[in-house]
Amino acid sequence: MYKGYEFKSGLDTFVQKLLAVSDKQPFLVYFKGSGAATNCYTTIYLPAIRDDAVLHRSKLERYCGYILHEWSHIQYTKNIYIENHHPNEGYVRQLWNALEDGWIEQKTINEGFVPNAPRLFTTLVEGIYREALDANIDWNDPRQWPFALAVWSRKYVTIRPAVAPEIAAIFDEAVSRPANHSSDNLEIAKWVYTQLSKHLEQNPTLDNPAPQQGEGEQGDGEQGKGESQGDGEQGASNGDLDKVTDPTAVEPTPEEHIESASEREKRESSSDYRDIAVPVGGEEVQPPCASSGVLYQPTATPARLRYELNRLFEGSAREQHNHGQRAGQVNVGALYRHSFDDAVFSRRQEEEGIDTALYILIDVSGSTSNRRGDRNGPTIFQAEFSAAHAIIDALRGANVQIAVDAFASYIAQIADWGAGIAKFKSNHAHAYGAAGSGTDDYAAVRHAHKRLLARPEKRKVLLVFTDGKGREDKVREQCEVGTNLGITTIGIGIGVNVGGVYPQSVYVDSISELASVSLKQIKLAA
């Protein structure tokens, strides 16, 4: 069993190993929406997975198999061109796709770069094929032949669709023909099309075959068995393969579902899987760069407040002596009573403290260059930097590890764990410029949660300074995920109420109060 963030971390490791043996440009793996897609060149999309989700190892193997399948496309698939004058370009493309899928997977197996490739591919395709083949599919229907050929092309799959012997002979011949390039598979696909056309001319089917069980809309327990047959307007007609315009496409997916051509087209053209990019390797983070500029006026932390905060975080560790015990270390002060009772021992009791990781996110979007109230006073981002400075200063010596990042369109690192005030002052000006001007608060919060989850400290706190609301729904969901994983997320809204977004929040109207309000919230979190 894996938590979602552990699951994605495992996939990230797998991707890095593939990149190490890849001889092409790097590719990206994103978790978006509810479907899977790829452009076969640089990008793979996987269904979104919450960081607090619970997943089994079998799911991890399926996802690795899907990534390996698409990586194989990136390695070996080349652009092909089907002549416009071909009578049924769509059908030929589906036949080519069926042959290409089996060919690229076999190439990856033969190359030996990924030793467990056969098991990953088998886990990916054989299970969903078995489920699909359990349906009442009419294998005499020409719309199903590309599906059958896709199974045939995977020589390591032990099952075979129950096609007619003549069709099986065509498929056997097709998969035995040598191919060294995607264009070779296209020529084989054209040959298959010609042979299937001849067979269909000699064995004409009904004009409008009825829909088969399991086709059309997906129901409970039904995996992708094919496409809807419509109103009888499509399909084989009088033994003419050229009129079969809706062949069943078979695409492996990380989920237990084989997509039809229309399903894949609909998913890839929809906006949901493009909504928010969550790459498996983490969000884009601009590296720190020292700068001599100081964009804020440091705020001195009152000695009393510093003392209280240090006591608060260190006070979670307690040590005391309980007197009047019958076992333990001799309590010299009680020896005079030894003739009356035996409670002359004192026992030391020590409780281990809860160490803390505090992550501070500073919104430096374009609107933070505004001032609130006093037109001669500091800007919002200057007040945020000043407040962060005060927090770092106040928690010096406490059992707290602090990291600070700025965010806008990007995430820019200011001070990594335990870097201290000197590093914060030297890097903050560069981070302000490197973060851009937008407000991608969701990516920043998720990145912070990811880094906090990797920390060994028992208490994990995220403090977010912001003067606006970006992706409210996504941030709210991510905060819920963080809470489920033991992270306390606090939003400090500067001139904006963020109570509907962050589980713990405070509204700050006067930026002069930002440092004191923030420190009070940290005290509450401790």
Protein backbone atom coordinates (compact mmCIF):
# COMPACT_ATOMS: atom_id res chain seq x y z
CA MET A 1 0.00 0.00 0.00
CA TYR A 2 1.28 3.46 -0.90
CA LYS A 3 0.16 6.98 -0.15
CA GLY A 4 -0.40 9.06 -3.26
CA TYR A 5 2.76 11.14 -2.82
CA GLU A 6 4.82 7.97 -2.29
CA PHE A 7 3.21 6.45 -5.38
CA LYS A 8 4.18 9.45 -7.51
CA SER A 9 7.65 9.49 -6.01
CA GLY A 10 8.08 5.87 -7.10
CA LEU A 11 6.95 6.78 -10.61
CA ASP A 12 9.38 9.69 -10.60
CA THR A 13 12.23 7.28 -9.80
CA PHE A 14 11.10 5.04 -12.66
CA VAL A 15 10.98 7.99 -15.05
CA GLN A 16 14.49 9.08 -14.05
CA LYS A 17 15.81 5.59 -14.79
CA LEU A 18 14.16 5.67 -18.21
CA LEU A 19 15.70 9.06 -18.89
CA ALA A 20 19.10 7.66 -17.99
CA VAL A 21 18.88 5.08 -20.79
CA SER A 22 17.06 7.31 -23.27
CA ASP A 23 18.96 8.66 -26.26
CA LYS A 24 16.40 11.35 -26.99
CA GLN A 25 15.25 14.59 -25.44
CA PRO A 26 13.78 14.32 -21.94
CA PHE A 27 10.06 13.78 -21.57
CA LEU A 28 7.64 14.96 -18.91
CA VAL A 29 4.97 13.03 -17.01
CA TYR A 30 2.02 15.08 -15.75
CA PHE A 31 -0.86 14.14 -13.47
CA LYS A 32 -3.97 15.88 -14.82
CA GLY A 33 -7.70 15.38 -14.98
CA SER A 34 -9.12 11.87 -15.24
CA GLY A 35 -7.59 10.43 -18.40
CA ALA A 36 -4.28 9.38 -19.88
CA ALA A 37 -2.77 10.80 -23.05
CA THR A 38 0.52 11.40 -24.81
CA ASN A 39 1.85 13.26 -27.82
CA CYS A 40 4.32 10.38 -28.37
CA TYR A 41 7.24 12.80 -28.35
CA THR A 42 7.74 14.78 -25.14
CA THR A 43 4.78 14.53 -22.79
CA ILE A 44 2.77 11.83 -21.02
CA TYR A 45 -0.42 12.63 -19.11
CA LEU A 46 -1.69 10.40 -16.31
CA PRO A 47 -4.90 10.64 -14.26
CA ALA A 48 -4.62 12.98 -11.29
CA ILE A 49 -3.76 11.27 -7.98
CA ARG A 50 -4.29 12.92 -4.62
CA ASP A 51 -1.26 12.90 -2.34
CA ASP A 52 -3.35 11.29 0.43
CA ALA A 53 -4.79 8.56 -1.81
CA VAL A 54 -4.11 4.92 -0.89
CA LEU A 55 -2.98 2.72 -3.79
CA HIS A 56 -1.85 -0.86 -4.20
CA ARG A 57 1.42 -2.09 -5.67
CA SER A 58 -0.45 -3.59 -8.64
CA LYS A 59 -1.57 -0.07 -9.59
CA LEU A 60 2.05 1.11 -9.47
CA GLU A 61 3.08 -1.65 -11.86
CA ARG A 62 0.27 -0.75 -14.28
CA TYR A 63 1.29 2.91 -14.28
CA CYS A 64 4.94 1.98 -14.82
CA GLY A 65 3.86 -0.25 -17.70
CA TYR A 66 1.90 2.57 -19.30
CA ILE A 67 4.81 5.01 -18.93
CA LEU A 68 7.13 2.39 -20.43
CA HIS A 69 4.71 1.92 -23.35
CA GLU A 70 4.66 5.65 -24.11
CA TRP A 71 8.42 5.89 -23.58
CA SER A 72 8.74 3.16 -26.22
CA HIS A 73 6.69 5.33 -28.60
CA ILE A 74 9.04 8.24 -27.87
CA GLN A 75 12.04 6.03 -28.63
CA TYR A 76 10.89 4.22 -31.76
CA THR A 77 7.72 5.67 -33.35
CA LYS A 78 8.24 7.96 -36.34
CA ASN A 79 5.80 10.11 -38.24
CA ILE A 80 3.93 8.27 -40.96
CA TYR A 81 1.92 9.54 -43.89
CA ILE A 82 -1.12 7.75 -45.28
CA GLU A 83 -2.08 8.84 -48.77
CA ASN A 84 -5.22 10.95 -48.88
CA HIS A 85 -6.48 8.92 -51.79
CA HIS A 86 -6.60 5.72 -49.73
CA PRO A 87 -10.25 4.58 -49.55
CA ASN A 88 -10.18 4.10 -45.77
CA GLU A 89 -7.37 6.05 -44.15
CA GLY A 90 -8.87 5.76 -40.65
CA TYR A 91 -9.05 1.98 -40.76
CA VAL A 92 -5.49 1.67 -42.04
CA ARG A 93 -4.29 3.95 -39.26
CA GLN A 94 -5.92 1.73 -36.64
CA LEU A 95 -4.28 -1.35 -38.15
CA TRP A 96 -0.95 0.49 -38.15
CA ASN A 97 -1.48 1.55 -34.54
CA ALA A 98 -2.17 -2.07 -33.54
CA LEU A 99 1.03 -3.28 -35.22
CA GLU A 100 3.09 -0.33 -33.96
CA ASP A 101 2.10 -0.90 -30.33
CA GLY A 102 3.26 -4.51 -30.39
CA TRP A 103 6.41 -3.61 -32.32
CA ILE A 104 7.62 -0.83 -30.00
CA GLU A 105 7.02 -2.97 -26.92
CA GLN A 106 8.93 -5.88 -28.44
CA LYS A 107 11.77 -3.49 -29.35
CA THR A 108 12.00 -2.35 -25.72
CA ILE A 109 12.01 -5.97 -24.53
CA ASN A 110 14.70 -6.97 -27.03
CA GLU A 111 16.96 -3.98 -26.27
CA GLY A 112 17.13 -5.06 -22.63
CA PHE A 113 17.41 -1.53 -21.19
CA VAL A 114 14.52 -2.30 -18.84
CA PRO A 115 14.99 -5.86 -17.49
CA ASN A 116 11.43 -6.18 -16.16
CA ALA A 117 9.79 -4.81 -19.34
CA PRO A 118 8.05 -8.13 -20.21
CA ARG A 119 6.34 -8.28 -16.81
CA LEU A 120 5.34 -4.61 -16.91
CA PHE A 121 3.85 -4.92 -20.39
CA THR A 122 2.07 -8.13 -19.49
CA THR A 123 0.60 -6.54 -16.37
CA LEU A 124 -0.53 -3.57 -18.44
CA VAL A 125 -2.26 -5.24 -21.39
CA GLU A 126 -3.11 -8.84 -20.58
CA GLY A 127 -5.47 -8.05 -17.72
CA ILE A 128 -7.52 -5.51 -19.66
CA TYR A 129 -7.53 -7.73 -22.75
CA ARG A 130 -8.91 -10.63 -20.74
CA GLU A 131 -11.68 -8.45 -19.35
CA ALA A 132 -12.53 -7.11 -22.80
CA LEU A 133 -12.44 -10.55 -24.41
CA ASP A 134 -14.85 -11.87 -21.78
CA ALA A 135 -17.50 -9.68 -23.40
CA ASN A 136 -19.77 -11.07 -26.08
CA ILE A 137 -17.82 -9.60 -29.00
CA ASP A 138 -18.67 -10.64 -32.53
CA TRP A 139 -15.24 -11.25 -34.03
CA ASN A 140 -16.77 -11.51 -37.49
CA ASP A 141 -17.52 -7.78 -37.23
CA PRO A 142 -14.79 -5.95 -39.21
CA ARG A 143 -14.87 -3.12 -36.69
CA GLN A 144 -13.25 -5.44 -34.16
CA TRP A 145 -10.37 -6.64 -36.36
CA PRO A 146 -7.92 -3.83 -35.45
CA PHE A 147 -8.63 -4.70 -31.80
CA ALA A 148 -7.84 -8.35 -32.50
CA LEU A 149 -4.66 -7.43 -34.41
CA ALA A 150 -3.45 -5.35 -31.44
CA VAL A 151 -3.69 -8.46 -29.26
CA TRP A 152 -2.02 -10.55 -31.97
CA SER A 153 0.91 -8.14 -32.29
CA ARG A 154 1.86 -8.65 -28.66
CA LYS A 155 3.52 -12.03 -28.92
CA TYR A 156 4.02 -12.31 -25.16
CA VAL A 157 0.24 -12.23 -24.58
CA THR A 158 -1.04 -15.81 -24.37
CA ILE A 159 -4.69 -15.13 -25.27
CA ARG A 160 -6.09 -14.81 -28.78
CA PRO A 161 -9.46 -13.46 -29.97
CA ALA A 162 -11.71 -16.05 -31.62
CA VAL A 163 -11.51 -14.65 -35.13
CA ALA A 164 -12.18 -16.80 -38.19
CA PRO A 165 -9.26 -19.05 -39.24
CA GLU A 166 -8.77 -16.99 -42.43
CA ILE A 167 -8.42 -13.80 -40.38
CA ALA A 168 -6.06 -15.52 -37.92
CA ALA A 169 -3.87 -16.59 -40.84
CA ILE A 170 -3.65 -12.98 -42.08
CA PHE A 171 -2.67 -11.78 -38.61
CA ASP A 172 -0.07 -14.55 -38.22
CA GLU A 173 1.52 -13.50 -41.48
CA ALA A 174 1.43 -9.81 -40.52
CA VAL A 175 3.17 -10.17 -37.16
CA SER A 176 5.82 -12.49 -38.64
CA ARG A 177 6.90 -9.93 -41.24
CA PRO A 178 10.09 -8.03 -40.32
CA ALA A 179 9.83 -4.33 -39.47
CA ASN A 180 12.65 -1.91 -38.73
CA HIS A 181 10.73 1.36 -38.89
CA SER A 182 7.25 2.77 -38.31
CA SER A 183 6.90 3.07 -42.09
CA ASP A 184 7.45 -0.69 -42.37
CA ASN A 185 4.51 -1.24 -40.05
CA LEU A 186 2.45 1.06 -42.25
CA GLU A 187 3.20 -1.07 -45.31
CA ILE A 188 2.25 -4.20 -43.36
CA ALA A 189 -0.96 -2.49 -42.25
CA LYS A 190 -1.82 -1.71 -45.87
CA TRP A 191 -1.17 -5.34 -46.79
CA VAL A 192 -3.44 -6.48 -43.93
CA TYR A 193 -6.13 -4.10 -45.15
CA THR A 194 -5.95 -5.55 -48.66
CA GLN A 195 -6.18 -9.12 -47.37
CA LEU A 196 -9.09 -8.28 -45.06
CA SER A 197 -10.88 -6.57 -47.94
CA LYS A 198 -10.53 -9.68 -50.10
CA HIS A 199 -11.82 -11.87 -47.27
CA LEU A 200 -14.78 -9.57 -46.72
CA GLU A 201 -15.65 -9.53 -50.43
CA GLN A 202 -15.73 -13.31 -50.40
CA ASN A 203 -17.64 -13.41 -47.09
CA PRO A 204 -19.98 -10.40 -47.03
CA THR A 205 -21.57 -9.52 -43.70
CA LEU A 206 -24.98 -8.12 -42.91
CA ASP A 207 -25.52 -4.58 -44.11
CA ASN A 208 -25.97 -3.11 -40.62
CA PRO A 209 -24.63 -5.36 -37.85
CA ALA A 210 -26.37 -4.91 -34.53
CA PRO A 211 -24.47 -3.44 -31.59
CA GLN A 212 -22.69 -6.06 -29.53
CA GLN A 213 -22.97 -6.51 -25.81
CA GLY A 214 -20.54 -4.27 -23.99
CA GLU A 215 -20.32 -1.72 -26.79
CA GLY A 216 -21.40 1.88 -26.51
CA GLU A 217 -21.63 3.60 -23.13
CA GLN A 218 -19.52 2.19 -20.33
CA GLY A 219 -21.54 0.76 -17.47
CA ASP A 220 -20.61 -0.52 -14.04
CA GLY A 221 -18.14 -3.33 -14.37
CA GLU A 222 -17.88 -2.90 -18.14
CA GLN A 223 -14.45 -2.12 -19.49
CA GLY A 224 -13.89 -0.60 -22.95
CA LYS A 225 -15.33 -3.22 -25.29
CA GLY A 226 -15.69 -1.04 -28.37
CA GLU A 227 -17.49 1.93 -29.76
CA SER A 228 -21.13 2.69 -30.13
CA GLN A 229 -22.49 1.40 -33.41
CA GLY A 230 -24.77 4.39 -33.90
CA ASP A 231 -28.04 4.06 -35.81
CA GLY A 232 -26.83 1.50 -38.28
CA GLU A 233 -25.31 4.06 -40.61
CA GLN A 234 -21.77 2.80 -40.11
CA GLY A 235 -20.06 -0.55 -40.23
CA ALA A 236 -19.47 -3.12 -42.95
CA SER A 237 -21.80 -2.85 -45.90
CA ASN A 238 -22.22 -5.58 -48.53
CA GLY A 239 -18.73 -6.90 -47.83
CA ASP A 240 -17.03 -3.54 -48.47
CA LEU A 241 -14.28 -2.79 -45.94
CA ASP A 242 -13.92 0.73 -47.33
CA LYS A 243 -17.25 1.60 -45.70
CA VAL A 244 -16.18 0.56 -42.18
CA THR A 245 -15.61 3.99 -40.69
CA ASP A 246 -15.62 3.19 -36.97
CA PRO A 247 -12.98 0.54 -36.24
CA THR A 248 -12.34 -0.19 -32.58
CA ALA A 249 -9.04 1.29 -31.46
CA VAL A 250 -7.15 -0.37 -28.64
CA GLU A 251 -4.93 1.86 -26.53
CA PRO A 252 -3.32 0.74 -23.28
CA THR A 253 -4.12 3.02 -20.37
CA PRO A 254 -2.93 3.08 -16.76
CA GLU A 255 -6.50 2.32 -15.69
CA GLU A 256 -8.28 -0.97 -16.36
CA HIS A 257 -9.94 0.25 -19.48
CA ILE A 258 -9.31 -0.06 -23.21
CA GLU A 259 -10.22 3.12 -25.02
CA SER A 260 -12.12 3.31 -28.24
CA ALA A 261 -11.04 5.76 -30.92
CA SER A 262 -13.86 8.17 -30.08
CA GLU A 263 -13.12 8.01 -26.35
CA ARG A 264 -9.48 8.85 -26.89
CA GLU A 265 -10.32 11.71 -29.26
CA LYS A 266 -12.90 13.14 -26.85
CA ARG A 267 -10.53 12.93 -23.88
CA GLU A 268 -7.57 14.48 -25.65
CA SER A 269 -9.69 17.32 -27.03
CA SER A 270 -11.27 18.11 -23.67
CA SER A 271 -9.83 20.73 -21.33
CA ASP A 272 -9.93 18.77 -18.09
CA TYR A 273 -6.64 16.94 -18.52
CA ARG A 274 -4.93 20.20 -19.53
CA ASP A 275 -6.34 22.12 -16.56
CA ILE A 276 -3.38 22.15 -14.20
CA ALA A 277 0.07 20.75 -14.80
CA VAL A 278 1.39 18.63 -11.94
CA PRO A 279 4.58 17.05 -13.26
CA VAL A 280 5.84 13.88 -11.66
CA GLY A 281 9.22 15.50 -11.10
CA GLY A 282 7.86 18.51 -9.20
CA GLU A 283 7.02 22.08 -10.10
CA GLU A 284 9.46 24.40 -11.78
CA VAL A 285 11.64 25.98 -9.10
CA GLN A 286 13.98 28.84 -9.90
CA PRO A 287 17.41 28.38 -8.28
CA PRO A 288 18.60 30.94 -5.74
CA CYS A 289 21.13 33.56 -6.76
CA ALA A 290 22.86 35.91 -4.37
CA SER A 291 22.02 39.59 -4.73
CA SER A 292 23.31 42.64 -2.96
CA GLY A 293 19.89 44.29 -3.00
CA VAL A 294 17.71 44.37 0.13
CA LEU A 295 14.10 45.09 -0.75
CA TYR A 296 12.70 45.45 2.76
CA GLN A 297 13.32 47.05 6.12
CA PRO A 298 14.09 44.36 8.71
CA THR A 299 11.76 44.32 11.70
CA ALA A 300 13.32 43.77 15.08
CA THR A 301 11.70 40.97 17.07
CA PRO A 302 10.98 41.90 20.69
CA ALA A 303 13.15 39.92 23.07
CA ARG A 304 10.09 38.81 25.04
CA LEU A 305 8.38 37.37 21.93
CA ARG A 306 11.55 35.60 20.86
CA TYR A 307 11.81 34.09 24.34
CA GLU A 308 8.17 32.94 24.28
CA LEU A 309 8.47 31.31 20.85
CA ASN A 310 11.66 29.50 21.75
CA ARG A 311 10.09 28.29 24.99
CA LEU A 312 6.99 27.25 23.08
CA PHE A 313 8.81 25.05 20.57
CA GLU A 314 11.44 23.78 22.96
CA GLY A 315 8.86 23.44 25.74
CA SER A 316 7.33 20.49 23.99
CA ALA A 317 10.30 18.64 25.46
CA ARG A 318 9.74 18.27 29.21
CA GLU A 319 12.03 17.07 31.99
CA GLN A 320 10.99 16.74 35.65
CA HIS A 321 11.73 14.77 38.82
CA ASN A 322 8.98 12.97 40.72
CA HIS A 323 9.83 12.62 44.38
CA GLY A 324 8.56 10.15 46.94
CA GLN A 325 9.19 7.04 44.83
CA ARG A 326 10.12 3.58 46.07
CA ALA A 327 12.56 2.99 43.23
CA GLY A 328 14.89 5.28 41.38
CA GLN A 329 17.76 7.58 42.37
CA VAL A 330 18.20 8.31 46.09
CA ASN A 331 16.52 11.57 47.08
CA VAL A 332 18.99 12.95 49.62
CA GLY A 333 16.47 15.44 50.94
CA ALA A 334 14.19 12.62 52.04
CA LEU A 335 16.74 10.50 53.91
CA TYR A 336 15.74 11.94 57.28
CA ARG A 337 12.39 10.23 56.86
CA HIS A 338 13.78 6.84 56.02
CA SER A 339 12.81 5.33 59.41
CA PHE A 340 9.13 6.14 58.78
CA ASP A 341 8.65 5.10 55.11
CA ASP A 342 10.59 3.83 52.14
CA ALA A 343 9.74 6.67 49.71
CA VAL A 344 13.28 8.03 49.62
CA PHE A 345 13.84 7.86 45.86
CA SER A 346 13.24 10.43 43.15
CA ARG A 347 12.55 9.41 39.55
CA ARG A 348 13.53 11.49 36.52
CA GLN A 349 10.81 11.81 33.89
CA GLU A 350 11.73 13.10 30.41
CA GLU A 351 9.44 13.58 27.42
CA GLU A 352 10.94 13.98 23.99
CA GLY A 353 10.07 17.25 22.25
CA ILE A 354 8.26 17.55 18.95
CA ASP A 355 10.64 18.95 16.37
CA THR A 356 9.11 21.23 13.75
CA ALA A 357 9.58 22.01 10.07
CA LEU A 358 8.20 25.44 9.11
CA TYR A 359 7.81 26.30 5.44
CA ILE A 360 7.07 29.92 4.48
CA LEU A 361 5.60 30.87 1.11
CA ILE A 362 5.68 34.53 0.09
CA ASP A 363 3.36 35.78 -2.64
CA VAL A 364 5.33 38.16 -4.88
CA SER A 365 2.79 38.45 -7.69
CA GLY A 366 2.37 41.78 -9.47
CA SER A 367 -0.30 43.06 -7.07
CA THR A 368 2.09 42.82 -4.09
CA SER A 369 3.93 45.90 -5.40
CA ASN A 370 0.95 47.93 -4.19
CA ARG A 371 0.79 49.72 -0.86
CA ARG A 372 -2.03 49.53 1.65
CA GLY A 373 -3.00 52.63 3.60
CA ASP A 374 0.13 54.76 3.88
CA ARG A 375 1.27 55.67 0.39
CA ASN A 376 4.76 56.27 1.78
CA GLY A 377 4.80 52.98 3.63
CA PRO A 378 6.22 49.64 2.48
CA THR A 379 4.69 47.64 -0.35
CA ILE A 380 2.95 44.37 0.37
CA PHE A 381 5.90 42.25 -0.71
CA GLN A 382 8.27 44.35 1.40
CA ALA A 383 6.04 43.78 4.43
CA GLU A 384 5.98 40.04 3.66
CA PHE A 385 9.76 39.85 3.48
CA SER A 386 10.01 41.84 6.70
CA ALA A 387 7.58 39.47 8.44
CA ALA A 388 9.51 36.40 7.22
CA HIS A 389 12.71 38.00 8.49
CA ALA A 390 11.09 38.51 11.89
CA ILE A 391 9.94 34.88 12.03
CA ILE A 392 13.39 33.53 11.20
CA ASP A 393 14.93 35.87 13.76
CA ALA A 394 12.39 34.96 16.44
CA LEU A 395 12.91 31.24 16.06
CA ARG A 396 16.69 31.28 16.20
CA GLY A 397 17.85 28.58 18.54
CA ALA A 398 14.43 26.90 18.68
CA ASN A 399 13.87 23.33 17.59
CA VAL A 400 12.53 24.51 14.20
CA GLN A 401 13.85 24.02 10.68
CA ILE A 402 12.74 26.84 8.35
CA ALA A 403 12.64 27.09 4.55
CA VAL A 404 11.37 30.11 2.58
CA ASP A 405 10.25 30.36 -1.05
CA ALA A 406 8.70 33.15 -3.12
CA PHE A 407 5.96 32.32 -5.60
CA ALA A 408 4.08 33.99 -8.43
CA SER A 409 4.05 32.34 -11.88
CA TYR A 410 6.95 30.19 -10.69
CA ILE A 411 8.46 29.13 -7.40
CA ALA A 412 11.77 30.75 -6.48
CA GLN A 413 13.83 29.44 -3.61
CA ILE A 414 14.99 32.01 -1.07
CA ALA A 415 16.36 30.01 1.83
CA ASP A 416 16.55 26.25 2.12
CA TRP A 417 16.15 24.35 5.37
CA GLY A 418 18.18 25.89 8.17
CA ALA A 419 19.80 28.52 5.94
CA GLY A 420 19.15 31.41 8.34
CA ILE A 421 18.72 35.16 7.97
CA ALA A 422 21.97 35.83 6.09
CA LYS A 423 20.95 33.54 3.22
CA PHE A 424 17.41 34.94 3.26
CA LYS A 425 18.70 38.50 2.89
CA SER A 426 21.15 37.62 0.11
CA ASN A 427 18.64 35.65 -2.03
CA HIS A 428 15.27 37.33 -1.56
CA ALA A 429 15.78 40.09 -4.15
CA HIS A 430 16.68 37.63 -6.90
CA ALA A 431 13.76 35.38 -5.95
CA TYR A 432 11.41 38.34 -6.21
CA GLY A 433 12.44 38.87 -9.82
CA ALA A 434 12.64 35.18 -10.78
CA ALA A 435 9.15 34.21 -9.61
CA GLY A 436 7.28 36.09 -12.36
CA SER A 437 4.08 38.05 -11.89
CA GLY A 438 1.14 35.60 -11.85
CA THR A 439 -0.46 33.86 -8.86
CA ASP A 440 -0.03 30.10 -9.17
CA ASP A 441 -0.76 29.48 -5.51
CA TYR A 442 -1.84 25.87 -6.09
CA ALA A 443 1.53 24.82 -7.54
CA ALA A 444 3.32 26.62 -4.70
CA VAL A 445 1.23 25.03 -1.93
CA ARG A 446 1.53 21.58 -3.45
CA HIS A 447 5.29 22.00 -3.88
CA ALA A 448 5.58 23.11 -0.23
CA HIS A 449 3.54 20.13 0.97
CA LYS A 450 5.71 17.80 -1.08
CA ARG A 451 8.87 19.17 0.51
CA LEU A 452 7.38 19.07 3.99
CA LEU A 453 6.39 15.43 3.55
CA ALA A 454 10.03 14.63 2.86
CA ARG A 455 11.12 16.17 6.18
CA PRO A 456 11.83 13.97 9.25
CA GLU A 457 10.28 16.42 11.74
CA LYS A 458 7.09 15.30 13.46
CA ARG A 459 5.33 18.67 13.25
CA LYS A 460 5.02 20.21 9.79
CA VAL A 461 3.67 23.74 9.30
CA LEU A 462 3.12 25.74 6.12
CA LEU A 463 2.63 29.52 6.38
CA VAL A 464 1.38 31.26 3.22
CA PHE A 465 1.48 35.05 2.77
CA THR A 466 -0.84 36.15 -0.03
CA ASP A 467 -2.84 39.15 -1.15
CA GLY A 468 -5.15 37.27 -3.49
CA LYS A 469 -6.86 34.05 -4.44
CA GLY A 470 -5.63 32.10 -7.43
CA ARG A 471 -6.98 28.60 -7.97
CA GLU A 472 -9.28 28.53 -4.95
CA ASP A 473 -10.81 25.07 -5.50
CA LYS A 474 -7.46 23.43 -6.16
CA VAL A 475 -5.75 25.12 -3.21
CA ARG A 476 -8.63 24.17 -0.90
CA GLU A 477 -8.39 20.55 -2.04
CA GLN A 478 -4.62 20.53 -1.62
CA CYS A 479 -4.95 21.95 1.91
CA GLU A 480 -7.36 19.13 2.71
CA VAL A 481 -4.81 16.65 1.40
CA GLY A 482 -2.13 18.30 3.55
CA THR A 483 -4.32 18.06 6.65
CA ASN A 484 -4.90 14.36 6.02
CA LEU A 485 -1.14 13.89 5.81
CA GLY A 486 -0.44 15.77 9.03
CA ILE A 487 0.51 19.20 7.65
CA THR A 488 -0.85 22.36 9.25
CA THR A 489 -1.46 24.99 6.56
CA ILE A 490 -2.02 28.62 7.60
CA GLY A 491 -3.05 31.34 5.19
CA ILE A 492 -2.26 34.99 5.99
CA GLY A 493 -4.60 37.05 3.82
CA ILE A 494 -3.30 40.59 3.26
CA GLY A 495 -6.35 42.69 2.50
CA VAL A 496 -8.26 39.58 1.44
CA ASN A 497 -10.18 36.97 3.41
CA VAL A 498 -8.72 33.54 2.63
CA GLY A 499 -10.80 31.71 5.22
CA GLY A 500 -12.66 29.77 2.54
CA VAL A 501 -9.41 28.46 1.11
CA TYR A 502 -7.04 27.69 3.98
CA PRO A 503 -8.10 25.55 6.97
CA GLN A 504 -6.45 28.04 9.35
CA SER A 505 -6.34 31.66 8.28
CA VAL A 506 -6.19 35.24 9.46
CA TYR A 507 -7.14 38.50 7.77
CA VAL A 508 -4.60 41.34 7.96
CA ASP A 509 -5.72 44.80 6.94
CA SER A 510 -2.71 46.81 8.11
CA ILE A 511 0.57 45.47 6.78
CA SER A 512 2.34 46.99 9.78
CA GLU A 513 0.73 44.21 11.84
CA LEU A 514 1.84 41.43 9.50
CA ALA A 515 4.85 40.26 11.49
CA SER A 516 3.10 40.20 14.88
CA VAL A 517 -0.02 38.48 13.49
CA SER A 518 2.10 35.86 11.74
CA LEU A 519 4.07 35.09 14.86
CA LYS A 520 0.85 34.69 16.84
CA GLN A 521 -0.42 32.18 14.29
CA ILE A 522 2.84 30.25 14.54
CA LYS A 523 2.42 30.20 18.33
CA LEU A 524 -1.05 28.70 17.90
CA ALA A 525 0.26 26.07 15.50
CA ALA A 526 2.91 25.03 18.01
